[in-house]
Protein backbone atom coordinates (compact mmCIF):
# COMPACT_ATOMS: atom_id res chain seq x y z
CA MET A 1 35.35 300.56 290.87
CA THR A 2 34.95 301.00 294.37
CA LYS A 3 35.49 304.80 295.80
CA ALA A 4 38.96 302.93 297.51
CA GLN A 5 39.79 301.27 293.81
CA HIS A 6 39.00 304.90 292.43
CA PHE A 7 42.09 306.66 294.86
CA GLU A 8 44.15 303.82 294.69
CA TRP A 9 44.11 304.42 290.88
CA LEU A 10 44.17 307.91 290.54
CA LEU A 11 47.31 307.98 293.47
CA SER A 12 49.39 305.35 290.80
CA LEU A 13 48.83 308.10 288.23
CA ALA A 14 49.93 310.65 290.16
CA ASP A 15 52.81 309.01 291.63
CA ASP A 16 55.00 308.60 288.91
CA ALA A 17 54.53 311.17 287.89
CA LEU A 18 55.76 313.00 290.62
CA ILE A 19 58.51 310.31 291.20
CA LEU A 20 60.23 310.58 288.20
CA GLY A 21 60.09 314.31 288.23
CA GLN A 22 61.64 314.24 291.87
CA ARG A 23 64.41 311.86 290.21
CA LEU A 24 65.39 314.57 286.70
CA SER A 25 64.93 317.43 289.43
CA GLU A 26 68.36 316.34 290.53
CA TRP A 27 70.11 317.57 286.78
CA CYS A 28 69.34 320.81 287.41
CA GLY A 29 73.09 322.68 287.84
CA HIS A 30 74.50 319.09 286.45
CA ALA A 31 72.76 318.32 283.46
CA PRO A 32 76.48 317.44 280.66
CA ALA A 33 74.90 320.91 278.25
CA LEU A 34 73.29 324.25 279.81
CA GLU A 35 70.50 323.40 277.43
CA GLU A 36 69.69 319.84 278.28
CA ASP A 37 69.79 320.74 282.07
CA ILE A 38 67.07 323.07 281.15
CA ALA A 39 65.39 320.57 279.34
CA LEU A 40 65.08 318.48 282.07
CA SER A 41 63.99 320.70 284.64
CA ASN A 42 61.17 321.65 282.59
CA VAL A 43 60.14 318.16 281.72
CA ALA A 44 60.12 317.75 285.86
CA LEU A 45 57.82 320.87 286.04
CA ASP A 46 55.99 319.49 283.85
CA LEU A 47 55.45 316.19 285.77
CA ILE A 48 55.15 318.06 289.28
CA GLY A 49 52.11 319.80 287.70
CA GLN A 50 50.43 316.80 286.48
CA SER A 51 51.17 314.69 289.87
CA ARG A 52 49.41 318.21 292.28
CA ALA A 53 46.70 318.06 289.63
CA ILE A 54 46.36 314.33 289.55
CA LEU A 55 46.52 314.51 293.99
CA THR A 56 43.91 317.54 294.74
CA HIS A 57 41.58 315.43 292.66
CA ALA A 58 42.28 312.19 294.84
CA GLY A 59 42.23 314.13 297.73
CA LEU A 60 38.89 315.66 297.59
CA LEU A 61 37.54 312.06 295.63
CA GLU A 62 39.00 310.53 299.62
CA GLY A 63 37.37 313.35 301.24
CA GLU A 64 39.67 312.35 304.29
CA GLY A 65 40.80 315.85 304.35
CA ARG A 66 43.89 315.44 303.13
CA ASP A 67 45.38 318.30 299.92
CA GLU A 68 48.49 317.70 297.87
CA ASP A 69 50.76 318.15 300.04
CA ARG A 70 49.65 316.00 302.24
CA LEU A 71 49.70 313.05 300.01
CA ALA A 72 52.74 313.76 298.81
CA PHE A 73 54.96 315.04 301.67
CA PHE A 74 53.21 312.50 304.42
CA ARG A 75 53.17 309.41 302.76
CA SER A 76 55.85 306.77 303.67
CA ASP A 77 56.95 304.37 300.81
CA ARG A 78 55.08 301.62 301.54
CA GLU A 79 51.75 304.01 300.24
CA TYR A 80 52.95 304.64 297.31
CA ARG A 81 52.17 303.44 293.81
CA ASN A 82 54.63 304.31 291.61
CA LEU A 83 56.33 301.62 289.10
CA LEU A 84 60.19 300.69 290.20
CA LEU A 85 61.32 302.19 286.83
CA VAL A 86 60.82 305.73 287.88
CA GLU A 87 62.18 305.59 291.15
CA LEU A 88 65.49 304.23 289.17
CA PRO A 89 68.90 307.21 290.12
CA ASN A 90 69.33 308.94 287.53
CA GLY A 91 72.79 306.78 286.82
CA HIS A 92 74.57 308.99 283.58
CA PHE A 93 72.66 311.18 280.73
CA GLY A 94 72.10 307.92 278.62
CA ASP A 95 70.86 306.08 281.04
CA THR A 96 68.27 308.79 282.54
CA ILE A 97 67.36 309.72 278.70
CA ALA A 98 66.65 305.67 277.83
CA ARG A 99 64.74 305.66 281.10
CA GLN A 100 62.76 308.90 280.66
CA PHE A 101 62.65 307.47 276.80
CA PHE A 102 60.19 304.30 277.96
CA PHE A 103 58.20 305.98 279.86
CA ASP A 104 57.67 309.00 277.96
CA GLN A 105 55.84 306.30 274.94
CA PHE A 106 53.61 304.70 277.77
CA ALA A 107 52.83 307.72 279.45
CA MET A 108 51.99 309.84 275.69
CA ILE A 109 49.44 306.04 275.43
CA ARG A 110 48.24 305.92 278.81
CA TYR A 111 46.90 309.80 278.32
CA GLY A 112 45.87 309.86 275.23
CA HIS A 113 43.51 307.39 275.98
CA LEU A 114 42.49 308.76 280.14
CA ALA A 115 42.18 311.65 277.62
CA GLN A 116 38.92 310.26 275.75
CA GLN A 117 37.40 307.83 278.98
CA THR A 118 34.32 309.35 280.08
CA PHE A 119 34.59 307.38 283.79
CA ASP A 120 36.25 310.14 285.30
CA LEU A 121 35.64 313.82 283.49
CA GLU A 122 38.36 315.44 285.94
CA ILE A 123 41.46 312.75 285.01
CA ALA A 124 39.80 313.22 281.39
CA ALA A 125 40.64 317.31 281.52
CA ILE A 126 43.91 316.58 283.43
CA ALA A 127 44.87 313.97 280.68
CA THR A 128 44.22 316.48 278.31
CA LYS A 129 46.38 319.07 279.33
CA ALA A 130 49.37 316.85 280.03
CA LEU A 131 49.02 314.99 276.99
CA LYS A 132 50.30 318.26 275.58
CA GLU A 133 53.00 318.18 277.33
CA VAL A 134 54.29 314.88 276.97
CA ARG A 135 54.26 315.04 273.43
CA TYR A 136 57.13 317.02 274.16
CA HIS A 137 58.56 315.01 276.72
CA ALA A 138 58.60 312.26 273.83
CA ALA A 139 59.78 314.14 270.63
CA HIS A 140 62.41 315.02 273.09
CA SER A 141 63.97 311.79 275.17
CA ALA A 142 63.01 309.93 271.31
CA ASP A 143 65.71 312.91 269.47
CA TRP A 144 68.62 311.71 271.75
CA MET A 145 67.73 308.26 271.99
CA ILE A 146 68.39 308.66 268.27
CA ARG A 147 71.35 311.28 268.60
CA LEU A 148 73.38 308.67 270.92
CA GLY A 149 72.45 305.63 269.10
CA ASP A 150 73.78 306.68 265.84
CA GLY A 151 76.31 308.43 266.69
CA THR A 152 79.81 307.34 268.01
CA ASN A 153 81.22 304.03 268.36
CA VAL A 154 81.20 305.26 272.45
CA SER A 155 77.36 306.55 272.78
CA LYS A 156 75.95 303.80 271.08
CA THR A 157 77.58 301.18 273.25
CA ARG A 158 76.79 303.28 276.39
CA ILE A 159 72.71 303.58 275.29
CA GLN A 160 72.27 300.14 274.52
CA GLU A 161 73.90 299.30 277.86
CA SER A 162 71.01 301.72 279.10
CA VAL A 163 68.18 300.38 277.26
CA ASP A 164 69.66 296.95 278.31
CA ARG A 165 69.72 297.24 282.30
CA LEU A 166 66.18 299.43 282.33
CA TRP A 167 65.19 296.67 280.33
CA PRO A 168 63.67 294.56 283.86
CA TYR A 169 61.47 297.36 285.02
CA ILE A 170 59.59 297.30 281.78
CA GLY A 171 57.25 294.66 282.07
CA GLU A 172 55.41 296.60 285.53
CA CYS A 173 54.20 299.05 283.03
CA PHE A 174 51.35 296.62 281.21
CA GLU A 175 50.78 293.92 284.44
CA ALA A 176 48.00 293.25 285.14
CA HIS A 177 46.78 294.21 288.81
CA PRO A 178 43.69 294.91 291.11
CA ILE A 179 43.43 298.59 291.00
CA LEU A 180 44.06 298.43 286.59
CA ASP A 181 41.84 295.73 286.53
CA ALA A 182 39.47 297.89 288.29
CA ALA A 183 40.20 301.09 286.18
CA ILE A 184 39.55 298.53 282.83
CA THR A 185 36.36 296.73 283.72
CA SER A 186 34.64 300.66 284.86
CA GLY A 187 36.33 301.80 281.29
CA ALA A 188 38.94 304.91 281.87
CA MET A 189 41.79 302.08 281.01
CA PRO A 190 42.26 300.22 278.08
CA ASP A 191 43.17 296.72 278.36
CA CYS A 192 47.22 296.28 279.49
CA LYS A 193 48.42 294.00 276.29
CA SER A 194 46.84 296.71 273.52
CA ILE A 195 48.70 299.17 275.53
CA GLU A 196 51.86 297.09 275.07
CA LEU A 197 51.49 295.98 271.77
CA THR A 198 51.36 300.16 270.80
CA TRP A 199 54.28 300.56 273.07
CA LYS A 200 56.32 298.23 271.47
CA GLU A 201 55.30 299.51 268.05
CA SER A 202 56.77 303.12 269.03
CA VAL A 203 59.20 302.12 270.67
CA SER A 204 61.07 299.45 267.97
CA ALA A 205 60.80 301.90 265.55
CA VAL A 206 62.80 304.89 267.35
CA LEU A 207 65.27 301.97 268.55
CA ALA A 208 65.55 301.13 265.13
CA GLU A 209 66.34 304.07 263.81
CA ALA A 210 68.84 304.50 266.39
CA THR A 211 70.15 301.65 265.13
CA LEU A 212 69.81 300.23 268.86
CA ILE A 213 68.61 296.83 269.83
CA LEU A 214 65.15 296.13 271.68
CA PRO A 215 65.78 293.30 274.12
CA THR A 216 63.71 290.19 273.82
CA ASP A 217 63.89 288.53 277.55
CA ASN A 218 60.58 289.06 279.10
CA TRP A 219 62.03 288.89 282.96
CA LYS A 220 60.43 291.37 285.14
CA GLN A 221 60.60 293.65 288.19
CA VAL A 222 57.50 294.11 290.07
CA GLY A 223 55.94 295.46 292.84
CA GLY A 224 55.78 299.04 292.84
CA ARG A 225 51.55 298.76 292.52
CA ASN A 226 51.98 297.23 295.79
CA GLY A 227 54.16 299.62 297.76
CA LEU A 228 57.15 297.48 297.58
CA HIS A 229 60.15 299.29 295.90
CA THR A 230 63.41 299.27 296.06
CA GLU A 231 65.52 300.88 298.40
CA HIS A 232 66.44 303.78 296.20
CA LEU A 233 62.61 305.66 296.59
CA SER A 234 62.81 305.63 300.68
CA TYR A 235 66.50 307.75 299.83
CA LEU A 236 64.67 309.77 297.66
CA LEU A 237 61.91 310.37 299.66
CA ALA A 238 63.73 311.34 302.84
CA GLU A 239 64.78 313.86 300.66
CA MET A 240 62.08 315.23 299.47
CA GLN A 241 59.86 314.50 302.50
CA ALA A 242 62.15 315.83 304.98
CA VAL A 243 61.26 319.92 305.46
CA PRO A 244 57.56 318.99 305.27
CA ARG A 245 57.69 316.58 307.98
CA LEU A 246 60.54 318.61 310.33
CA HIS A 247 58.18 321.97 309.78
CA PRO A 248 54.47 320.69 309.00
CA ASP A 249 52.34 323.23 309.94
CA ALA A 250 54.42 325.88 308.02
CA LYS A 251 53.11 328.17 306.42
CA TRP A 252 54.88 329.99 302.99
């Protein structure tokens, strides 16, 4: 893996966590129950913390003087490498839980591999810490999938609709990409197919307990890894980056 490929790969890891963390932070003060307000806010903080660590590492690798703040607040949407899934609007509570469930299962597998690889020892250390957090996230979102799916007729219908609506964005998690291919060749990441198979086994088990149906449509939305995003990311970044861009030299 070249230095440039290594940097882009780190951005993809960090951007997934940062954008989803920013999305979840929008629930602060708006969740359907106080316990969930606190839970979703804590998950958001964990994700942003993971992103900060990876962006700091990426900035040092790049060697251009960009720290975590510069990389987070002064890149355009075309420079972001996150999955389309994580930038989608929160929707209702079920939409957020379904999105979180799908991503948590993916993140748990990915961090598990990253913690064991030896290509990038700094990422291995970050992943080891993040894995402890993501296991909690995955348990939380899986529990809610079961509660909503095996609950009332209304909750079951709505969470199934959320699953079906988000499904076209799942395939991108396992889509081949030059940067990911370089990470696989270097030994930093396992083959996409093996991750997908493990992910489907875990997801299918939870959905079965939730009495929900796993969609079979293979059509997928892609483009996030190449900087081709939905219009939603531009609005999210405009809000997230407004203050740093208005006062770029401000210090706390």
